[in-house]
Amino acid sequence: MMCDMGTDPCSAMNYGISHKIGMSFGNYQLLSNIVLLMIVIIFERKLIGTGTFGNMILVGYSADFFTWVWKEICHAPDQFNMNLRIGILIPALILFILAAAIYMQRDMEQHRMMQYLF
């Protein structure tokens, strides 16, 4: 929230609720994802993969950790100016795109291997 460049609706809702009830974002994100995981286990178990657990556990806790780093170690202000926000956005977006490409490539390779096997 320090860069104020937006987030996905589900994480924004979880951040707002966790802040309102006084729970850390990581803990609330994990609890809400466990509820969603139960629903997925009941209706579409085949959709669960390693990314499911990585996303379920790491997103909230990494956000909590890096918010702590920015505030406590870097002594960053609660709100950044636009130039700094854009300066953070560009490398973060590049990392996100790279990670998404690696994740999608891995999934496509698994599908290709399954086609050859069956």
PDB file of N, CA and C in Angstrom:
ATOM      1  N   MET A   1       0.805  -1.199   0.000  1.00  0.00           N
ATOM      2  CA  MET A   1       0.000   0.000   0.000  1.00  0.00           C
ATOM      3  C   MET A   1       0.852   1.270   0.000  1.00  0.00           C
ATOM      4  N   MET A   2       2.134   1.108   0.245  1.00  0.00           N
ATOM      5  CA  MET A   2       3.006   2.273   0.328  1.00  0.00           C
ATOM      6  C   MET A   2       3.154   2.955  -1.026  1.00  0.00           C
ATOM      7  N   CYS A   3       3.192   2.162  -2.084  1.00  0.00           N
ATOM      8  CA  CYS A   3       3.325   2.747  -3.423  1.00  0.00           C
ATOM      9  C   CYS A   3       1.985   3.202  -3.967  1.00  0.00           C
ATOM     10  N   ASP A   4       0.909   2.682  -3.425  1.00  0.00           N
ATOM     11  CA  ASP A   4      -0.446   3.083  -3.812  1.00  0.00           C
ATOM     12  C   ASP A   4      -0.657   2.974  -5.322  1.00  0.00           C
ATOM     13  N   MET A   5      -0.207   1.840  -5.892  1.00  0.00           N
ATOM     14  CA  MET A   5      -0.379   1.617  -7.328  1.00  0.00           C
ATOM     15  C   MET A   5      -1.431   0.551  -7.596  1.00  0.00           C
ATOM     16  N   GLY A   6      -2.156   0.149  -6.573  1.00  0.00           N
ATOM     17  CA  GLY A   6      -3.229  -0.809  -6.749  1.00  0.00           C
ATOM     18  C   GLY A   6      -2.787  -2.232  -6.484  1.00  0.00           C
ATOM     19  N   THR A   7      -3.762  -3.091  -6.309  1.00  0.00           N
ATOM     20  CA  THR A   7      -3.538  -4.521  -6.118  1.00  0.00           C
ATOM     21  C   THR A   7      -4.774  -5.242  -6.615  1.00  0.00           C
ATOM     22  N   ASP A   8      -4.701  -6.554  -6.632  1.00  0.00           N
ATOM     23  CA  ASP A   8      -5.873  -7.297  -7.092  1.00  0.00           C
ATOM     24  C   ASP A   8      -7.006  -7.145  -6.073  1.00  0.00           C
ATOM     25  N   PRO A   9      -8.249  -7.270  -6.521  1.00  0.00           N
ATOM     26  CA  PRO A   9      -9.390  -7.024  -5.624  1.00  0.00           C
ATOM     27  C   PRO A   9      -9.414  -7.920  -4.394  1.00  0.00           C
ATOM     28  N   CYS A  10      -9.054  -9.185  -4.536  1.00  0.00           N
ATOM     29  CA  CYS A  10      -9.097 -10.107  -3.400  1.00  0.00           C
ATOM     30  C   CYS A  10      -8.073  -9.705  -2.343  1.00  0.00           C
ATOM     31  N   SER A  11      -6.856  -9.387  -2.751  1.00  0.00           N
ATOM     32  CA  SER A  11      -5.829  -8.963  -1.788  1.00  0.00           C
ATOM     33  C   SER A  11      -6.199  -7.627  -1.155  1.00  0.00           C
ATOM     34  N   ALA A  12      -6.784  -6.729  -1.926  1.00  0.00           N
ATOM     35  CA  ALA A  12      -7.208  -5.443  -1.375  1.00  0.00           C
ATOM     36  C   ALA A  12      -8.281  -5.656  -0.307  1.00  0.00           C
ATOM     37  N   MET A  13      -9.234  -6.556  -0.587  1.00  0.00           N
ATOM     38  CA  MET A  13     -10.275  -6.863   0.397  1.00  0.00           C
ATOM     39  C   MET A  13      -9.648  -7.480   1.650  1.00  0.00           C
ATOM     40  N   ASN A  14      -8.742  -8.442   1.462  1.00  0.00           N
ATOM     41  CA  ASN A  14      -8.096  -9.094   2.605  1.00  0.00           C
ATOM     42  C   ASN A  14      -7.266  -8.108   3.412  1.00  0.00           C
ATOM     43  N   TYR A  15      -6.585  -7.193   2.735  1.00  0.00           N
ATOM     44  CA  TYR A  15      -5.799  -6.174   3.441  1.00  0.00           C
ATOM     45  C   TYR A  15      -6.725  -5.290   4.280  1.00  0.00           C
ATOM     46  N   GLY A  16      -7.830  -4.864   3.694  1.00  0.00           N
ATOM     47  CA  GLY A  16      -8.780  -4.008   4.410  1.00  0.00           C
ATOM     48  C   GLY A  16      -9.386  -4.704   5.618  1.00  0.00           C
ATOM     49  N   ILE A  17      -9.795  -5.956   5.438  1.00  0.00           N
ATOM     50  CA  ILE A  17     -10.395  -6.707   6.552  1.00  0.00           C
ATOM     51  C   ILE A  17      -9.355  -6.959   7.645  1.00  0.00           C
ATOM     52  N   SER A  18      -8.149  -7.370   7.254  1.00  0.00           N
ATOM     53  CA  SER A  18      -7.113  -7.646   8.258  1.00  0.00           C
ATOM     54  C   SER A  18      -6.774  -6.389   9.053  1.00  0.00           C
ATOM     55  N   HIS A  19      -6.715  -5.263   8.369  1.00  0.00           N
ATOM     56  CA  HIS A  19      -6.427  -3.988   9.045  1.00  0.00           C
ATOM     57  C   HIS A  19      -7.564  -3.634  10.014  1.00  0.00           C
ATOM     58  N   LYS A  20      -8.804  -3.873   9.578  1.00  0.00           N
ATOM     59  CA  LYS A  20      -9.976  -3.531  10.392  1.00  0.00           C
ATOM     60  C   LYS A  20     -10.064  -4.388  11.653  1.00  0.00           C
ATOM     61  N   ILE A  21      -9.716  -5.684  11.543  1.00  0.00           N
ATOM     62  CA  ILE A  21      -9.834  -6.562  12.710  1.00  0.00           C
ATOM     63  C   ILE A  21      -8.533  -6.678  13.508  1.00  0.00           C
ATOM     64  N   GLY A  22      -7.469  -5.996  13.051  1.00  0.00           N
ATOM     65  CA  GLY A  22      -6.219  -5.972  13.791  1.00  0.00           C
ATOM     66  C   GLY A  22      -5.357  -7.215  13.631  1.00  0.00           C
ATOM     67  N   MET A  23      -5.529  -7.924  12.532  1.00  0.00           N
ATOM     68  CA  MET A  23      -4.734  -9.126  12.266  1.00  0.00           C
ATOM     69  C   MET A  23      -3.713  -8.805  11.189  1.00  0.00           C
ATOM     70  N   SER A  24      -2.567  -9.473  11.215  1.00  0.00           N
ATOM     71  CA  SER A  24      -1.577  -9.214  10.164  1.00  0.00           C
ATOM     72  C   SER A  24      -2.142  -9.672   8.822  1.00  0.00           C
ATOM     73  N   PHE A  25      -1.721  -8.992   7.773  1.00  0.00           N
ATOM     74  CA  PHE A  25      -2.179  -9.319   6.428  1.00  0.00           C
ATOM     75  C   PHE A  25      -1.821 -10.758   6.064  1.00  0.00           C
ATOM     76  N   GLY A  26      -0.605 -11.185   6.402  1.00  0.00           N
ATOM     77  CA  GLY A  26      -0.167 -12.540   6.077  1.00  0.00           C
ATOM     78  C   GLY A  26      -1.047 -13.596   6.718  1.00  0.00           C
ATOM     79  N   ASN A  27      -1.372 -13.421   8.003  1.00  0.00           N
ATOM     80  CA  ASN A  27      -2.226 -14.396   8.688  1.00  0.00           C
ATOM     81  C   ASN A  27      -3.629 -14.422   8.101  1.00  0.00           C
ATOM     82  N   TYR A  28      -4.202 -13.243   7.857  1.00  0.00           N
ATOM     83  CA  TYR A  28      -5.560 -13.210   7.305  1.00  0.00           C
ATOM     84  C   TYR A  28      -5.595 -13.766   5.878  1.00  0.00           C
ATOM     85  N   GLN A  29      -4.592 -13.435   5.080  1.00  0.00           N
ATOM     86  CA  GLN A  29      -4.518 -13.937   3.706  1.00  0.00           C
ATOM     87  C   GLN A  29      -4.447 -15.466   3.727  1.00  0.00           C
ATOM     88  N   LEU A  30      -3.632 -16.020   4.620  1.00  0.00           N
ATOM     89  CA  LEU A  30      -3.514 -17.476   4.716  1.00  0.00           C
ATOM     90  C   LEU A  30      -4.841 -18.101   5.133  1.00  0.00           C
ATOM     91  N   LEU A  31      -5.504 -17.531   6.139  1.00  0.00           N
ATOM     92  CA  LEU A  31      -6.790 -18.078   6.578  1.00  0.00           C
ATOM     93  C   LEU A  31      -7.840 -18.038   5.468  1.00  0.00           C
ATOM     94  N   SER A  32      -7.924 -16.918   4.762  1.00  0.00           N
ATOM     95  CA  SER A  32      -8.920 -16.832   3.685  1.00  0.00           C
ATOM     96  C   SER A  32      -8.572 -17.789   2.546  1.00  0.00           C
ATOM     97  N   ASN A  33      -7.280 -17.988   2.283  1.00  0.00           N
ATOM     98  CA  ASN A  33      -6.886 -18.922   1.237  1.00  0.00           C
ATOM     99  C   ASN A  33      -7.138 -20.371   1.642  1.00  0.00           C
ATOM    100  N   ILE A  34      -7.046 -20.684   2.929  1.00  0.00           N
ATOM    101  CA  ILE A  34      -7.377 -22.042   3.391  1.00  0.00           C
ATOM    102  C   ILE A  34      -8.850 -22.326   3.143  1.00  0.00           C
ATOM    103  N   VAL A  35      -9.714 -21.352   3.410  1.00  0.00           N
ATOM    104  CA  VAL A  35     -11.146 -21.519   3.136  1.00  0.00           C
ATOM    105  C   VAL A  35     -11.367 -21.765   1.641  1.00  0.00           C
ATOM    106  N   LEU A  36     -10.710 -20.977   0.794  1.00  0.00           N
ATOM    107  CA  LEU A  36     -10.846 -21.173  -0.649  1.00  0.00           C
ATOM    108  C   LEU A  36     -10.276 -22.517  -1.086  1.00  0.00           C
ATOM    109  N   LEU A  37      -9.183 -22.949  -0.460  1.00  0.00           N
ATOM    110  CA  LEU A  37      -8.582 -24.239  -0.790  1.00  0.00           C
ATOM    111  C   LEU A  37      -9.548 -25.382  -0.494  1.00  0.00           C
ATOM    112  N   MET A  38     -10.258 -25.291   0.605  1.00  0.00           N
ATOM    113  CA  MET A  38     -11.242 -26.329   0.938  1.00  0.00           C
ATOM    114  C   MET A  38     -12.320 -26.432  -0.143  1.00  0.00           C
ATOM    115  N   ILE A  39     -12.748 -25.290  -0.629  1.00  0.00           N
ATOM    116  CA  ILE A  39     -13.758 -25.282  -1.697  1.00  0.00           C
ATOM    117  C   ILE A  39     -13.200 -25.924  -2.959  1.00  0.00           C
ATOM    118  N   VAL A  40     -11.957 -25.592  -3.301  1.00  0.00           N
ATOM    119  CA  VAL A  40     -11.323 -26.163  -4.491  1.00  0.00           C
ATOM    120  C   VAL A  40     -11.124 -27.668  -4.325  1.00  0.00           C
ATOM    121  N   ILE A  41     -10.746 -28.117  -3.130  1.00  0.00           N
ATOM    122  CA  ILE A  41     -10.577 -29.556  -2.880  1.00  0.00           C
ATOM    123  C   ILE A  41     -11.894 -30.289  -3.109  1.00  0.00           C
ATOM    124  N   ILE A  42     -12.983 -29.697  -2.694  1.00  0.00           N
ATOM    125  CA  ILE A  42     -14.293 -30.334  -2.850  1.00  0.00           C
ATOM    126  C   ILE A  42     -14.725 -30.384  -4.314  1.00  0.00           C
ATOM    127  N   PHE A  43     -14.537 -29.299  -5.062  1.00  0.00           N
ATOM    128  CA  PHE A  43     -15.116 -29.207  -6.404  1.00  0.00           C
ATOM    129  C   PHE A  43     -14.139 -29.445  -7.556  1.00  0.00           C
ATOM    130  N   GLU A  44     -12.880 -29.044  -7.441  1.00  0.00           N
ATOM    131  CA  GLU A  44     -11.922 -29.149  -8.561  1.00  0.00           C
ATOM    132  C   GLU A  44     -10.521 -29.458  -8.069  1.00  0.00           C
ATOM    133  N   ARG A  45     -10.334 -30.594  -7.454  1.00  0.00           N
ATOM    134  CA  ARG A  45      -9.054 -30.970  -6.859  1.00  0.00           C
ATOM    135  C   ARG A  45      -7.900 -30.928  -7.857  1.00  0.00           C
ATOM    136  N   LYS A  46      -8.175 -31.216  -9.130  1.00  0.00           N
ATOM    137  CA  LYS A  46      -7.108 -31.273 -10.136  1.00  0.00           C
ATOM    138  C   LYS A  46      -6.469 -29.908 -10.398  1.00  0.00           C
ATOM    139  N   LEU A  47      -7.086 -28.827  -9.972  1.00  0.00           N
ATOM    140  CA  LEU A  47      -6.528 -27.489 -10.174  1.00  0.00           C
ATOM    141  C   LEU A  47      -5.441 -27.130  -9.164  1.00  0.00           C
ATOM    142  N   ILE A  48      -5.257 -27.967  -8.151  1.00  0.00           N
ATOM    143  CA  ILE A  48      -4.272 -27.680  -7.109  1.00  0.00           C
ATOM    144  C   ILE A  48      -2.887 -28.117  -7.573  1.00  0.00           C
ATOM    145  N   GLY A  49      -1.924 -27.215  -7.456  1.00  0.00           N
ATOM    146  CA  GLY A  49      -0.540 -27.506  -7.818  1.00  0.00           C
ATOM    147  C   GLY A  49       0.405 -26.817  -6.855  1.00  0.00           C
ATOM    148  N   THR A  50       1.685 -26.840  -7.196  1.00  0.00           N
ATOM    149  CA  THR A  50       2.673 -26.211  -6.315  1.00  0.00           C
ATOM    150  C   THR A  50       2.444 -24.697  -6.229  1.00  0.00           C
ATOM    151  N   GLY A  51       2.019 -24.093  -7.322  1.00  0.00           N
ATOM    152  CA  GLY A  51       1.743 -22.662  -7.314  1.00  0.00           C
ATOM    153  C   GLY A  51       0.620 -22.300  -6.361  1.00  0.00           C
ATOM    154  N   THR A  52      -0.310 -23.228  -6.170  1.00  0.00           N
ATOM    155  CA  THR A  52      -1.420 -22.991  -5.246  1.00  0.00           C
ATOM    156  C   THR A  52      -0.889 -22.709  -3.852  1.00  0.00           C
ATOM    157  N   PHE A  53       0.012 -23.563  -3.389  1.00  0.00           N
ATOM    158  CA  PHE A  53       0.531 -23.412  -2.027  1.00  0.00           C
ATOM    159  C   PHE A  53       1.514 -22.246  -1.919  1.00  0.00           C
ATOM    160  N   GLY A  54       2.295 -22.017  -2.968  1.00  0.00           N
ATOM    161  CA  GLY A  54       3.193 -20.871  -2.957  1.00  0.00           C
ATOM    162  C   GLY A  54       2.422 -19.571  -2.853  1.00  0.00           C
ATOM    163  N   ASN A  55       1.393 -19.440  -3.664  1.00  0.00           N
ATOM    164  CA  ASN A  55       0.561 -18.236  -3.645  1.00  0.00           C
ATOM    165  C   ASN A  55      -0.193 -18.130  -2.330  1.00  0.00           C
ATOM    166  N   MET A  56      -0.694 -19.241  -1.853  1.00  0.00           N
ATOM    167  CA  MET A  56      -1.497 -19.266  -0.637  1.00  0.00           C
ATOM    168  C   MET A  56      -0.696 -18.810   0.580  1.00  0.00           C
ATOM    169  N   ILE A  57       0.553 -19.201   0.655  1.00  0.00           N
ATOM    170  CA  ILE A  57       1.362 -18.937   1.844  1.00  0.00           C
ATOM    171  C   ILE A  57       2.252 -17.705   1.692  1.00  0.00           C
ATOM    172  N   LEU A  58       2.876 -17.536   0.548  1.00  0.00           N
ATOM    173  CA  LEU A  58       3.930 -16.535   0.420  1.00  0.00           C
ATOM    174  C   LEU A  58       3.456 -15.110   0.163  1.00  0.00           C
ATOM    175  N   VAL A  59       2.342 -14.915  -0.492  1.00  0.00           N
ATOM    176  CA  VAL A  59       1.923 -13.556  -0.871  1.00  0.00           C
ATOM    177  C   VAL A  59       1.735 -12.661   0.346  1.00  0.00           C
ATOM    178  N   GLY A  60       0.934 -13.077   1.280  1.00  0.00           N
ATOM    179  CA  GLY A  60       0.660 -12.242   2.451  1.00  0.00           C
ATOM    180  C   GLY A  60       1.869 -12.032   3.331  1.00  0.00           C
ATOM    181  N   TYR A  61       2.595 -13.120   3.585  1.00  0.00           N
ATOM    182  CA  TYR A  61       3.758 -13.003   4.461  1.00  0.00           C
ATOM    183  C   TYR A  61       4.896 -12.225   3.818  1.00  0.00           C
ATOM    184  N   SER A  62       5.070 -12.347   2.508  1.00  0.00           N
ATOM    185  CA  SER A  62       6.109 -11.545   1.858  1.00  0.00           C
ATOM    186  C   SER A  62       5.719 -10.070   1.863  1.00  0.00           C
ATOM    187  N   ALA A  63       4.440  -9.767   1.698  1.00  0.00           N
ATOM    188  CA  ALA A  63       3.987  -8.375   1.785  1.00  0.00           C
ATOM    189  C   ALA A  63       4.231  -7.819   3.188  1.00  0.00           C
ATOM    190  N   ASP A  64       3.909  -8.614   4.210  1.00  0.00           N
ATOM    191  CA  ASP A  64       4.181  -8.180   5.586  1.00  0.00           C
ATOM    192  C   ASP A  64       5.673  -7.955   5.806  1.00  0.00           C
ATOM    193  N   PHE A  65       6.493  -8.889   5.326  1.00  0.00           N
ATOM    194  CA  PHE A  65       7.939  -8.791   5.531  1.00  0.00           C
ATOM    195  C   PHE A  65       8.525  -7.560   4.843  1.00  0.00           C
ATOM    196  N   PHE A  66       8.172  -7.349   3.573  1.00  0.00           N
ATOM    197  CA  PHE A  66       8.767  -6.224   2.861  1.00  0.00           C
ATOM    198  C   PHE A  66       8.215  -4.881   3.326  1.00  0.00           C
ATOM    199  N   THR A  67       6.985  -4.859   3.818  1.00  0.00           N
ATOM    200  CA  THR A  67       6.474  -3.636   4.432  1.00  0.00           C
ATOM    201  C   THR A  67       7.290  -3.317   5.677  1.00  0.00           C
ATOM    202  N   TRP A  68       7.597  -4.339   6.470  1.00  0.00           N
ATOM    203  CA  TRP A  68       8.438  -4.158   7.657  1.00  0.00           C
ATOM    204  C   TRP A  68       9.834  -3.671   7.262  1.00  0.00           C
ATOM    205  N   VAL A  69      10.418  -4.280   6.237  1.00  0.00           N
ATOM    206  CA  VAL A  69      11.755  -3.864   5.783  1.00  0.00           C
ATOM    207  C   VAL A  69      11.741  -2.396   5.371  1.00  0.00           C
ATOM    208  N   TRP A  70      10.753  -2.012   4.545  1.00  0.00           N
ATOM    209  CA  TRP A  70      10.675  -0.628   4.071  1.00  0.00           C
ATOM    210  C   TRP A  70      10.539   0.343   5.237  1.00  0.00           C
ATOM    211  N   LYS A  71       9.670   0.006   6.208  1.00  0.00           N
ATOM    212  CA  LYS A  71       9.401   0.950   7.292  1.00  0.00           C
ATOM    213  C   LYS A  71      10.478   0.943   8.370  1.00  0.00           C
ATOM    214  N   GLU A  72      10.901  -0.238   8.801  1.00  0.00           N
ATOM    215  CA  GLU A  72      11.796  -0.329   9.953  1.00  0.00           C
ATOM    216  C   GLU A  72      13.276  -0.233   9.592  1.00  0.00           C
ATOM    217  N   ILE A  73      13.667  -0.807   8.477  1.00  0.00           N
ATOM    218  CA  ILE A  73      15.085  -0.808   8.108  1.00  0.00           C
ATOM    219  C   ILE A  73      15.410   0.369   7.190  1.00  0.00           C
ATOM    220  N   CYS A  74      14.567   0.597   6.195  1.00  0.00           N
ATOM    221  CA  CYS A  74      14.825   1.691   5.248  1.00  0.00           C
ATOM    222  C   CYS A  74      14.234   3.019   5.725  1.00  0.00           C
ATOM    223  N   HIS A  75      13.398   2.991   6.768  1.00  0.00           N
ATOM    224  CA  HIS A  75      12.742   4.190   7.302  1.00  0.00           C
ATOM    225  C   HIS A  75      11.995   4.960   6.212  1.00  0.00           C
ATOM    226  N   ALA A  76      11.301   4.212   5.366  1.00  0.00           N
ATOM    227  CA  ALA A  76      10.535   4.816   4.278  1.00  0.00           C
ATOM    228  C   ALA A  76       9.274   5.471   4.837  1.00  0.00           C
ATOM    229  N   PRO A  77       8.832   6.540   4.197  1.00  0.00           N
ATOM    230  CA  PRO A  77       7.590   7.185   4.646  1.00  0.00           C
ATOM    231  C   PRO A  77       6.378   6.304   4.309  1.00  0.00           C
ATOM    232  N   ASP A  78       5.235   6.637   4.894  1.00  0.00           N
ATOM    233  CA  ASP A  78       4.019   5.866   4.626  1.00  0.00           C
ATOM    234  C   ASP A  78       3.555   6.007   3.184  1.00  0.00           C
ATOM    235  N   GLN A  79       3.877   7.111   2.532  1.00  0.00           N
ATOM    236  CA  GLN A  79       3.470   7.364   1.154  1.00  0.00           C
ATOM    237  C   GLN A  79       4.661   7.908   0.374  1.00  0.00           C
ATOM    238  N   PHE A  80       4.864   7.396  -0.829  1.00  0.00           N
ATOM    239  CA  PHE A  80       5.965   7.843  -1.684  1.00  0.00           C
ATOM    240  C   PHE A  80       5.474   8.867  -2.695  1.00  0.00           C
ATOM    241  N   ASN A  81       6.399   9.703  -3.202  1.00  0.00           N
ATOM    242  CA  ASN A  81       6.018  10.630  -4.260  1.00  0.00           C
ATOM    243  C   ASN A  81       5.914   9.849  -5.584  1.00  0.00           C
ATOM    244  N   MET A  82       5.315  10.451  -6.587  1.00  0.00           N
ATOM    245  CA  MET A  82       5.014   9.759  -7.843  1.00  0.00           C
ATOM    246  C   MET A  82       6.277   9.257  -8.543  1.00  0.00           C
ATOM    247  N   ASN A  83       7.347  10.031  -8.564  1.00  0.00           N
ATOM    248  CA  ASN A  83       8.569   9.584  -9.233  1.00  0.00           C
ATOM    249  C   ASN A  83       9.122   8.308  -8.602  1.00  0.00           C
ATOM    250  N   LEU A  84       9.150   8.251  -7.295  1.00  0.00           N
ATOM    251  CA  LEU A  84       9.641   7.063  -6.601  1.00  0.00           C
ATOM    252  C   LEU A  84       8.691   5.889  -6.814  1.00  0.00           C
ATOM    253  N   ARG A  85       7.398   6.152  -6.809  1.00  0.00           N
ATOM    254  CA  ARG A  85       6.415   5.090  -7.045  1.00  0.00           C
ATOM    255  C   ARG A  85       6.611   4.470  -8.421  1.00  0.00           C
ATOM    256  N   ILE A  86       6.835   5.286  -9.426  1.00  0.00           N
ATOM    257  CA  ILE A  86       7.068   4.775 -10.783  1.00  0.00           C
ATOM    258  C   ILE A  86       8.417   4.061 -10.849  1.00  0.00           C
ATOM    259  N   GLY A  87       9.410   4.601 -10.138  1.00  0.00           N
ATOM    260  CA  GLY A  87      10.722   3.955 -10.085  1.00  0.00           C
ATOM    261  C   GLY A  87      10.678   2.580  -9.442  1.00  0.00           C
ATOM    262  N   ILE A  88       9.774   2.365  -8.517  1.00  0.00           N
ATOM    263  CA  ILE A  88       9.585   1.048  -7.903  1.00  0.00           C
ATOM    264  C   ILE A  88       8.720   0.164  -8.799  1.00  0.00           C
ATOM    265  N   LEU A  89       7.719   0.763  -9.427  1.00  0.00           N
ATOM    266  CA  LEU A  89       6.788   0.008 -10.268  1.00  0.00           C
ATOM    267  C   LEU A  89       7.487  -0.675 -11.443  1.00  0.00           C
ATOM    268  N   ILE A  90       8.370   0.019 -12.120  1.00  0.00           N
ATOM    269  CA  ILE A  90       8.979  -0.527 -13.343  1.00  0.00           C
ATOM    270  C   ILE A  90       9.785  -1.798 -13.067  1.00  0.00           C
ATOM    271  N   PRO A  91      10.756  -1.802 -12.125  1.00  0.00           N
ATOM    272  CA  PRO A  91      11.457  -3.068 -11.886  1.00  0.00           C
ATOM    273  C   PRO A  91      10.549  -4.155 -11.297  1.00  0.00           C
ATOM    274  N   ALA A  92       9.570  -3.760 -10.473  1.00  0.00           N
ATOM    275  CA  ALA A  92       8.646  -4.749  -9.913  1.00  0.00           C
ATOM    276  C   ALA A  92       7.815  -5.382 -11.023  1.00  0.00           C
ATOM    277  N   LEU A  93       7.383  -4.586 -11.976  1.00  0.00           N
ATOM    278  CA  LEU A  93       6.608  -5.105 -13.107  1.00  0.00           C
ATOM    279  C   LEU A  93       7.454  -6.040 -13.968  1.00  0.00           C
ATOM    280  N   ILE A  94       8.708  -5.685 -14.178  1.00  0.00           N
ATOM    281  CA  ILE A  94       9.606  -6.552 -14.952  1.00  0.00           C
ATOM    282  C   ILE A  94       9.792  -7.892 -14.238  1.00  0.00           C
ATOM    283  N   LEU A  95       9.994  -7.863 -12.933  1.00  0.00           N
ATOM    284  CA  LEU A  95      10.126  -9.112 -12.170  1.00  0.00           C
ATOM    285  C   LEU A  95       8.851  -9.937 -12.222  1.00  0.00           C
ATOM    286  N   PHE A  96       7.703  -9.271 -12.109  1.00  0.00           N
ATOM    287  CA  PHE A  96       6.423  -9.971 -12.183  1.00  0.00           C
ATOM    288  C   PHE A  96       6.247 -10.643 -13.540  1.00  0.00           C
ATOM    289  N   ILE A  97       6.539  -9.935 -14.612  1.00  0.00           N
ATOM    290  CA  ILE A  97       6.389 -10.488 -15.962  1.00  0.00           C
ATOM    291  C   ILE A  97       7.329 -11.673 -16.155  1.00  0.00           C
ATOM    292  N   LEU A  98       8.555 -11.549 -15.690  1.00  0.00           N
ATOM    293  CA  LEU A  98       9.520 -12.645 -15.792  1.00  0.00           C
ATOM    294  C   LEU A  98       9.035 -13.874 -15.019  1.00  0.00           C
ATOM    295  N   ALA A  99       8.575 -13.668 -13.793  1.00  0.00           N
ATOM    296  CA  ALA A  99       8.084 -14.785 -12.988  1.00  0.00           C
ATOM    297  C   ALA A  99       6.858 -15.434 -13.628  1.00  0.00           C
ATOM    298  N   ALA A 100       5.942 -14.628 -14.155  1.00  0.00           N
ATOM    299  CA  ALA A 100       4.755 -15.174 -14.814  1.00  0.00           C
ATOM    300  C   ALA A 100       5.141 -15.962 -16.058  1.00  0.00           C
ATOM    301  N   ALA A 101       6.104 -15.470 -16.812  1.00  0.00           N
ATOM    302  CA  ALA A 101       6.545 -16.173 -18.023  1.00  0.00           C
ATOM    303  C   ALA A 101       7.176 -17.518 -17.675  1.00  0.00           C
ATOM    304  N   ILE A 102       7.991 -17.548 -16.622  1.00  0.00           N
ATOM    305  CA  ILE A 102       8.615 -18.808 -16.194  1.00  0.00           C
ATOM    306  C   ILE A 102       7.543 -19.787 -15.733  1.00  0.00           C
ATOM    307  N   TYR A 103       6.584 -19.301 -14.973  1.00  0.00           N
ATOM    308  CA  TYR A 103       5.501 -20.152 -14.476  1.00  0.00           C
ATOM    309  C   TYR A 103       4.677 -20.713 -15.633  1.00  0.00           C
ATOM    310  N   MET A 104       4.329 -19.878 -16.602  1.00  0.00           N
ATOM    311  CA  MET A 104       3.525 -20.334 -17.744  1.00  0.00           C
ATOM    312  C   MET A 104       4.308 -21.295 -18.622  1.00  0.00           C
ATOM    313  N   GLN A 105       5.594 -21.025 -18.813  1.00  0.00           N
ATOM    314  CA  GLN A 105       6.425 -21.906 -19.621  1.00  0.00           C
ATOM    315  C   GLN A 105       6.507 -23.288 -18.988  1.00  0.00           C
ATOM    316  N   ARG A 106       6.671 -23.336 -17.699  1.00  0.00           N
ATOM    317  CA  ARG A 106       6.731 -24.617 -16.984  1.00  0.00           C
ATOM    318  C   ARG A 106       5.434 -25.385 -17.164  1.00  0.00           C
ATOM    319  N   ASP A 107       4.313 -24.706 -17.063  1.00  0.00           N
ATOM    320  CA  ASP A 107       3.010 -25.346 -17.225  1.00  0.00           C
ATOM    321  C   ASP A 107       2.840 -25.876 -18.645  1.00  0.00           C
ATOM    322  N   MET A 108       3.288 -25.108 -19.632  1.00  0.00           N
ATOM    323  CA  MET A 108       3.167 -25.551 -21.025  1.00  0.00           C
ATOM    324  C   MET A 108       4.051 -26.766 -21.280  1.00  0.00           C
ATOM    325  N   GLU A 109       5.234 -26.808 -20.680  1.00  0.00           N
ATOM    326  CA  GLU A 109       6.123 -27.956 -20.850  1.00  0.00           C
ATOM    327  C   GLU A 109       5.516 -29.198 -20.220  1.00  0.00           C
ATOM    328  N   GLN A 110       4.851 -29.060 -19.079  1.00  0.00           N
ATOM    329  CA  GLN A 110       4.191 -30.203 -18.458  1.00  0.00           C
ATOM    330  C   GLN A 110       3.074 -30.728 -19.359  1.00  0.00           C
ATOM    331  N   HIS A 111       2.307 -29.831 -19.974  1.00  0.00           N
ATOM    332  CA  HIS A 111       1.234 -30.260 -20.869  1.00  0.00           C
ATOM    333  C   HIS A 111       1.802 -31.006 -22.069  1.00  0.00           C
ATOM    334  N   ARG A 112       2.913 -30.507 -22.626  1.00  0.00           N
ATOM    335  CA  ARG A 112       3.543 -31.174 -23.766  1.00  0.00           C
ATOM    336  C   ARG A 112       4.021 -32.568 -23.382  1.00  0.00           C
ATOM    337  N   MET A 113       4.625 -32.692 -22.199  1.00  0.00           N
ATOM    338  CA  MET A 113       5.099 -33.996 -21.757  1.00  0.00           C
ATOM    339  C   MET A 113       3.935 -34.962 -21.575  1.00  0.00           C
ATOM    340  N   MET A 114       2.829 -34.481 -21.052  1.00  0.00           N
ATOM    341  CA  MET A 114       1.663 -35.340 -20.858  1.00  0.00           C
ATOM    342  C   MET A 114       1.092 -35.800 -22.198  1.00  0.00           C
ATOM    343  N   GLN A 115       1.135 -34.935 -23.222  1.00  0.00           N
ATOM    344  CA  GLN A 115       0.638 -35.316 -24.541  1.00  0.00           C
ATOM    345  C   GLN A 115       1.488 -36.433 -25.141  1.00  0.00           C
ATOM    346  N   TYR A 116       2.805 -36.369 -24.932  1.00  0.00           N
ATOM    347  CA  TYR A 116       3.691 -37.407 -25.471  1.00  0.00           C
ATOM    348  C   TYR A 116       3.493 -38.728 -24.736  1.00  0.00           C
ATOM    349  N   LEU A 117       3.205 -38.656 -23.447  1.00  0.00           N
ATOM    350  CA  LEU A 117       3.050 -39.874 -22.667  1.00  0.00           C
ATOM    351  C   LEU A 117       1.727 -40.582 -22.945  1.00  0.00           C
ATOM    352  N   PHE A 118       0.703 -39.816 -23.236  1.00  0.00           N
ATOM    353  CA  PHE A 118      -0.624 -40.433 -23.412  1.00  0.00           C
ATOM    354  C   PHE A 118      -1.103 -40.200 -24.802  1.00  0.00           C
TER     355      PHE A 118
END
